[in-house]
Amino acid sequence: MSKGYIASIEKRISEITPSDQKVTIVGIVVGRGVNYILVQDDTGVARVYTEEPSRYEVKKPVMVMGLVNAASESNVELIEEQIVNLDGLELTIYLKARELERKLGGLENLW
């Protein structure tokens, strides 16, 4: 790992805390502004600052890797490092699979 590298941790929006530096979230785009998109998962909504919000369609799933700008019970803000369109992904199935993986302690423990 190179000096200065910050690993991203996959979290649900409600799990993001001020002590987190970089997180990955998966959710649905529920709104757009001039310099941000709103991403919702089954636990909350995050404002994700991005240079090109028009690239992301409302009601479409995305995966966001970003730096935590703010985190409280009522406000989560991320600064985009990367956003991936997940069009075609059945989000409910994906989230259930991720939850099962967490409960099992990771897929590597199955083998």
N, C-alpha and C. Protein backbone atom coordinates (compact mmCIF):
# COMPACT_ATOMS: atom_id res chain seq x y z
N MET A 1 0.84 -1.16 0.00
CA MET A 1 0.00 0.00 0.00
C MET A 1 0.89 1.23 0.00
N SER A 2 0.62 2.18 -0.88
CA SER A 2 1.44 3.37 -0.97
C SER A 2 1.15 4.33 0.18
N LYS A 3 2.12 5.16 0.49
CA LYS A 3 1.97 6.14 1.55
C LYS A 3 0.83 7.10 1.21
N GLY A 4 -0.03 7.39 2.18
CA GLY A 4 -1.12 8.31 1.95
C GLY A 4 -2.39 7.68 1.41
N TYR A 5 -2.38 6.38 1.12
CA TYR A 5 -3.56 5.70 0.59
C TYR A 5 -4.56 5.49 1.71
N ILE A 6 -5.82 5.81 1.44
CA ILE A 6 -6.89 5.57 2.40
C ILE A 6 -7.83 4.54 1.80
N ALA A 7 -7.98 3.41 2.48
CA ALA A 7 -8.87 2.35 2.00
C ALA A 7 -10.33 2.77 2.21
N SER A 8 -11.18 2.36 1.29
CA SER A 8 -12.60 2.63 1.39
C SER A 8 -13.29 1.47 2.09
N ILE A 9 -14.24 1.79 2.96
CA ILE A 9 -15.00 0.79 3.69
C ILE A 9 -16.44 0.85 3.21
N GLU A 10 -17.00 -0.30 2.80
CA GLU A 10 -18.39 -0.33 2.37
C GLU A 10 -19.30 -0.24 3.58
N LYS A 11 -20.22 0.72 3.54
CA LYS A 11 -21.14 0.93 4.66
C LYS A 11 -22.52 1.29 4.14
N ARG A 12 -23.50 1.11 5.00
CA ARG A 12 -24.82 1.67 4.76
C ARG A 12 -24.74 3.14 5.18
N ILE A 13 -25.61 3.95 4.63
CA ILE A 13 -25.54 5.38 4.90
C ILE A 13 -25.67 5.68 6.39
N SER A 14 -26.59 5.02 7.08
CA SER A 14 -26.78 5.29 8.51
C SER A 14 -25.59 4.88 9.36
N GLU A 15 -24.69 4.06 8.84
CA GLU A 15 -23.52 3.60 9.59
C GLU A 15 -22.32 4.55 9.47
N ILE A 16 -22.40 5.53 8.59
CA ILE A 16 -21.28 6.44 8.37
C ILE A 16 -21.15 7.39 9.56
N THR A 17 -19.92 7.53 10.05
CA THR A 17 -19.64 8.38 11.21
C THR A 17 -18.62 9.46 10.84
N PRO A 18 -18.52 10.50 11.67
CA PRO A 18 -17.53 11.55 11.40
C PRO A 18 -16.09 11.03 11.39
N SER A 19 -15.82 9.92 12.06
CA SER A 19 -14.45 9.39 12.09
C SER A 19 -14.10 8.60 10.82
N ASP A 20 -15.10 8.27 10.00
CA ASP A 20 -14.82 7.61 8.72
C ASP A 20 -14.15 8.59 7.78
N GLN A 21 -13.19 8.10 7.00
CA GLN A 21 -12.53 8.96 6.03
C GLN A 21 -13.06 8.73 4.62
N LYS A 22 -13.04 7.46 4.20
CA LYS A 22 -13.49 7.13 2.85
C LYS A 22 -14.44 5.94 2.94
N VAL A 23 -15.59 6.06 2.29
CA VAL A 23 -16.58 4.99 2.33
C VAL A 23 -17.09 4.69 0.93
N THR A 24 -17.68 3.51 0.80
CA THR A 24 -18.38 3.12 -0.41
C THR A 24 -19.82 2.83 -0.02
N ILE A 25 -20.75 3.43 -0.77
CA ILE A 25 -22.18 3.18 -0.55
C ILE A 25 -22.81 2.75 -1.86
N VAL A 26 -23.92 2.01 -1.74
CA VAL A 26 -24.69 1.60 -2.91
C VAL A 26 -26.13 2.01 -2.65
N GLY A 27 -26.73 2.68 -3.63
CA GLY A 27 -28.10 3.11 -3.45
C GLY A 27 -28.69 3.62 -4.76
N ILE A 28 -29.86 4.23 -4.63
CA ILE A 28 -30.60 4.76 -5.77
C ILE A 28 -30.46 6.28 -5.78
N VAL A 29 -30.24 6.85 -6.96
CA VAL A 29 -30.23 8.30 -7.09
C VAL A 29 -31.68 8.78 -6.95
N VAL A 30 -31.92 9.65 -5.96
CA VAL A 30 -33.28 10.13 -5.73
C VAL A 30 -33.43 11.62 -6.01
N GLY A 31 -32.34 12.27 -6.38
CA GLY A 31 -32.41 13.70 -6.70
C GLY A 31 -31.07 14.22 -7.17
N ARG A 32 -31.11 15.40 -7.79
CA ARG A 32 -29.88 16.04 -8.28
C ARG A 32 -29.95 17.53 -8.04
N GLY A 33 -28.79 18.12 -7.81
CA GLY A 33 -28.69 19.57 -7.70
C GLY A 33 -27.62 20.05 -8.67
N VAL A 34 -27.21 21.28 -8.51
CA VAL A 34 -26.20 21.86 -9.40
C VAL A 34 -24.86 21.14 -9.30
N ASN A 35 -24.47 20.76 -8.08
CA ASN A 35 -23.16 20.12 -7.88
C ASN A 35 -23.22 18.86 -7.01
N TYR A 36 -24.38 18.22 -6.96
CA TYR A 36 -24.52 17.02 -6.13
C TYR A 36 -25.64 16.12 -6.64
N ILE A 37 -25.59 14.86 -6.16
CA ILE A 37 -26.71 13.94 -6.32
C ILE A 37 -27.11 13.47 -4.93
N LEU A 38 -28.34 13.07 -4.77
CA LEU A 38 -28.82 12.46 -3.53
C LEU A 38 -28.95 10.96 -3.76
N VAL A 39 -28.30 10.19 -2.90
CA VAL A 39 -28.31 8.73 -3.02
C VAL A 39 -28.97 8.15 -1.78
N GLN A 40 -29.94 7.25 -2.00
CA GLN A 40 -30.68 6.66 -0.89
C GLN A 40 -30.47 5.16 -0.87
N ASP A 41 -30.21 4.62 0.33
CA ASP A 41 -30.22 3.17 0.51
C ASP A 41 -31.36 2.86 1.48
N ASP A 42 -31.39 1.66 2.02
CA ASP A 42 -32.49 1.29 2.91
C ASP A 42 -32.36 1.89 4.31
N THR A 43 -31.31 2.71 4.55
CA THR A 43 -31.12 3.29 5.89
C THR A 43 -31.08 4.80 5.91
N GLY A 44 -30.97 5.44 4.75
CA GLY A 44 -30.89 6.90 4.75
C GLY A 44 -30.54 7.47 3.40
N VAL A 45 -30.27 8.78 3.40
CA VAL A 45 -29.94 9.52 2.17
C VAL A 45 -28.62 10.25 2.38
N ALA A 46 -27.76 10.25 1.36
CA ALA A 46 -26.50 10.99 1.40
C ALA A 46 -26.44 11.97 0.25
N ARG A 47 -25.90 13.13 0.53
CA ARG A 47 -25.62 14.12 -0.52
C ARG A 47 -24.20 13.85 -0.99
N VAL A 48 -24.05 13.61 -2.29
CA VAL A 48 -22.74 13.29 -2.87
C VAL A 48 -22.36 14.41 -3.83
N TYR A 49 -21.31 15.15 -3.46
CA TYR A 49 -20.85 16.25 -4.32
C TYR A 49 -20.08 15.69 -5.49
N THR A 50 -20.44 16.13 -6.69
CA THR A 50 -19.84 15.64 -7.92
C THR A 50 -19.80 16.78 -8.95
N GLU A 51 -18.84 16.74 -9.84
CA GLU A 51 -18.73 17.77 -10.87
C GLU A 51 -19.78 17.63 -11.96
N GLU A 52 -20.29 16.41 -12.16
CA GLU A 52 -21.24 16.18 -13.25
C GLU A 52 -22.48 15.42 -12.78
N PRO A 53 -23.35 16.06 -12.00
CA PRO A 53 -24.54 15.34 -11.51
C PRO A 53 -25.47 14.89 -12.64
N SER A 54 -25.41 15.54 -13.78
CA SER A 54 -26.30 15.18 -14.89
C SER A 54 -25.96 13.81 -15.49
N ARG A 55 -24.80 13.25 -15.15
CA ARG A 55 -24.43 11.92 -15.65
C ARG A 55 -25.22 10.80 -14.97
N TYR A 56 -25.91 11.12 -13.87
CA TYR A 56 -26.57 10.08 -13.08
C TYR A 56 -28.07 10.29 -13.09
N GLU A 57 -28.79 9.27 -13.55
CA GLU A 57 -30.24 9.37 -13.69
C GLU A 57 -30.95 9.08 -12.38
N VAL A 58 -31.98 9.87 -12.11
CA VAL A 58 -32.84 9.63 -10.95
C VAL A 58 -33.51 8.27 -11.11
N LYS A 59 -33.65 7.54 -10.03
CA LYS A 59 -34.26 6.21 -9.95
C LYS A 59 -33.34 5.10 -10.46
N LYS A 60 -32.04 5.40 -10.66
CA LYS A 60 -31.09 4.39 -11.12
C LYS A 60 -30.08 4.11 -9.99
N PRO A 61 -29.66 2.84 -9.87
CA PRO A 61 -28.69 2.50 -8.81
C PRO A 61 -27.27 2.93 -9.17
N VAL A 62 -26.52 3.32 -8.13
CA VAL A 62 -25.12 3.71 -8.28
C VAL A 62 -24.31 3.16 -7.10
N MET A 63 -23.02 3.02 -7.33
CA MET A 63 -22.07 2.74 -6.26
C MET A 63 -21.17 3.97 -6.17
N VAL A 64 -21.04 4.52 -4.96
CA VAL A 64 -20.26 5.73 -4.75
C VAL A 64 -19.10 5.43 -3.81
N MET A 65 -17.90 5.80 -4.23
CA MET A 65 -16.75 5.81 -3.34
C MET A 65 -16.42 7.28 -3.11
N GLY A 66 -16.41 7.70 -1.84
CA GLY A 66 -16.19 9.11 -1.58
C GLY A 66 -15.60 9.39 -0.23
N LEU A 67 -15.07 10.60 -0.11
CA LEU A 67 -14.53 11.09 1.15
C LEU A 67 -15.66 11.65 1.99
N VAL A 68 -15.66 11.34 3.28
CA VAL A 68 -16.71 11.82 4.17
C VAL A 68 -16.47 13.30 4.46
N ASN A 69 -17.44 14.12 4.09
CA ASN A 69 -17.38 15.56 4.31
C ASN A 69 -18.11 15.94 5.59
N ALA A 70 -19.21 15.24 5.87
CA ALA A 70 -20.00 15.47 7.09
C ALA A 70 -20.79 14.20 7.38
N ALA A 71 -20.98 13.93 8.67
CA ALA A 71 -21.78 12.76 9.06
C ALA A 71 -22.41 13.01 10.42
N SER A 72 -23.73 12.97 10.44
CA SER A 72 -24.50 13.05 11.69
C SER A 72 -25.76 12.24 11.47
N GLU A 73 -26.62 12.19 12.47
CA GLU A 73 -27.85 11.42 12.31
C GLU A 73 -28.74 11.95 11.19
N SER A 74 -28.68 13.26 10.96
CA SER A 74 -29.58 13.86 9.97
C SER A 74 -28.88 14.31 8.69
N ASN A 75 -27.55 14.16 8.61
CA ASN A 75 -26.83 14.71 7.47
C ASN A 75 -25.59 13.88 7.16
N VAL A 76 -25.55 13.33 5.94
CA VAL A 76 -24.35 12.64 5.46
C VAL A 76 -23.97 13.27 4.13
N GLU A 77 -22.72 13.71 4.04
CA GLU A 77 -22.21 14.30 2.81
C GLU A 77 -20.91 13.63 2.42
N LEU A 78 -20.81 13.28 1.14
CA LEU A 78 -19.59 12.68 0.60
C LEU A 78 -19.08 13.53 -0.55
N ILE A 79 -17.78 13.51 -0.75
CA ILE A 79 -17.17 14.15 -1.91
C ILE A 79 -16.74 13.02 -2.83
N GLU A 80 -17.26 13.01 -4.03
CA GLU A 80 -17.04 11.92 -4.99
C GLU A 80 -15.57 11.69 -5.27
N GLU A 81 -15.18 10.42 -5.19
CA GLU A 81 -13.92 9.98 -5.78
C GLU A 81 -14.22 9.18 -7.03
N GLN A 82 -15.27 8.36 -6.93
CA GLN A 82 -15.71 7.58 -8.09
C GLN A 82 -17.18 7.22 -7.92
N ILE A 83 -17.93 7.32 -9.01
CA ILE A 83 -19.33 6.88 -9.01
C ILE A 83 -19.51 5.95 -10.20
N VAL A 84 -20.11 4.79 -9.92
CA VAL A 84 -20.33 3.79 -10.96
C VAL A 84 -21.82 3.60 -11.15
N ASN A 85 -22.30 3.75 -12.37
CA ASN A 85 -23.70 3.45 -12.68
C ASN A 85 -23.90 1.94 -12.59
N LEU A 86 -24.91 1.52 -11.88
CA LEU A 86 -25.21 0.09 -11.74
C LEU A 86 -26.54 -0.26 -12.40
N ASP A 87 -26.83 0.41 -13.49
CA ASP A 87 -28.07 0.16 -14.21
C ASP A 87 -28.16 -1.33 -14.56
N GLY A 88 -29.28 -1.92 -14.27
CA GLY A 88 -29.47 -3.34 -14.53
C GLY A 88 -29.29 -4.19 -13.28
N LEU A 89 -28.72 -3.60 -12.23
CA LEU A 89 -28.55 -4.33 -10.97
C LEU A 89 -29.86 -4.34 -10.20
N GLU A 90 -30.27 -5.48 -9.72
CA GLU A 90 -31.45 -5.57 -8.86
C GLU A 90 -30.97 -5.24 -7.44
N LEU A 91 -31.16 -3.99 -7.04
CA LEU A 91 -30.58 -3.46 -5.81
C LEU A 91 -31.03 -4.23 -4.57
N THR A 92 -32.30 -4.61 -4.49
CA THR A 92 -32.77 -5.32 -3.30
C THR A 92 -32.04 -6.64 -3.11
N ILE A 93 -31.84 -7.37 -4.18
CA ILE A 93 -31.11 -8.64 -4.10
C ILE A 93 -29.66 -8.39 -3.71
N TYR A 94 -29.04 -7.37 -4.30
CA TYR A 94 -27.65 -7.03 -3.97
C TYR A 94 -27.51 -6.72 -2.48
N LEU A 95 -28.41 -5.88 -1.94
CA LEU A 95 -28.31 -5.50 -0.53
C LEU A 95 -28.54 -6.70 0.39
N LYS A 96 -29.45 -7.60 0.02
CA LYS A 96 -29.68 -8.80 0.83
C LYS A 96 -28.45 -9.71 0.80
N ALA A 97 -27.81 -9.82 -0.36
CA ALA A 97 -26.60 -10.63 -0.48
C ALA A 97 -25.48 -10.04 0.36
N ARG A 98 -25.32 -8.72 0.35
CA ARG A 98 -24.28 -8.06 1.16
C ARG A 98 -24.54 -8.28 2.65
N GLU A 99 -25.79 -8.21 3.06
CA GLU A 99 -26.13 -8.42 4.47
C GLU A 99 -25.82 -9.86 4.89
N LEU A 100 -26.14 -10.81 4.03
CA LEU A 100 -25.84 -12.21 4.31
C LEU A 100 -24.33 -12.41 4.40
N GLU A 101 -23.60 -11.79 3.51
CA GLU A 101 -22.13 -11.88 3.54
C GLU A 101 -21.58 -11.34 4.86
N ARG A 102 -22.12 -10.21 5.33
CA ARG A 102 -21.69 -9.65 6.62
C ARG A 102 -21.96 -10.62 7.77
N LYS A 103 -23.16 -11.21 7.75
CA LYS A 103 -23.53 -12.14 8.83
C LYS A 103 -22.62 -13.37 8.84
N LEU A 104 -22.20 -13.80 7.65
CA LEU A 104 -21.33 -14.97 7.55
C LEU A 104 -19.86 -14.62 7.81
N GLY A 105 -19.54 -13.33 7.91
CA GLY A 105 -18.17 -12.93 8.14
C GLY A 105 -17.34 -12.89 6.88
N GLY A 106 -17.96 -12.78 5.73
CA GLY A 106 -17.24 -12.70 4.46
C GLY A 106 -17.37 -13.98 3.67
N LEU A 107 -17.38 -13.85 2.37
CA LEU A 107 -17.54 -15.02 1.49
C LEU A 107 -16.36 -15.97 1.57
N GLU A 108 -15.17 -15.45 1.88
CA GLU A 108 -13.99 -16.32 1.96
C GLU A 108 -14.14 -17.38 3.06
N ASN A 109 -15.01 -17.14 4.02
CA ASN A 109 -15.21 -18.10 5.12
C ASN A 109 -16.10 -19.28 4.72
N LEU A 110 -16.68 -19.23 3.52
CA LEU A 110 -17.53 -20.32 3.06
C LEU A 110 -16.74 -21.52 2.57
N TRP A 111 -15.49 -21.31 2.17
CA TRP A 111 -14.72 -22.38 1.56
C TRP A 111 -13.83 -23.00 2.54
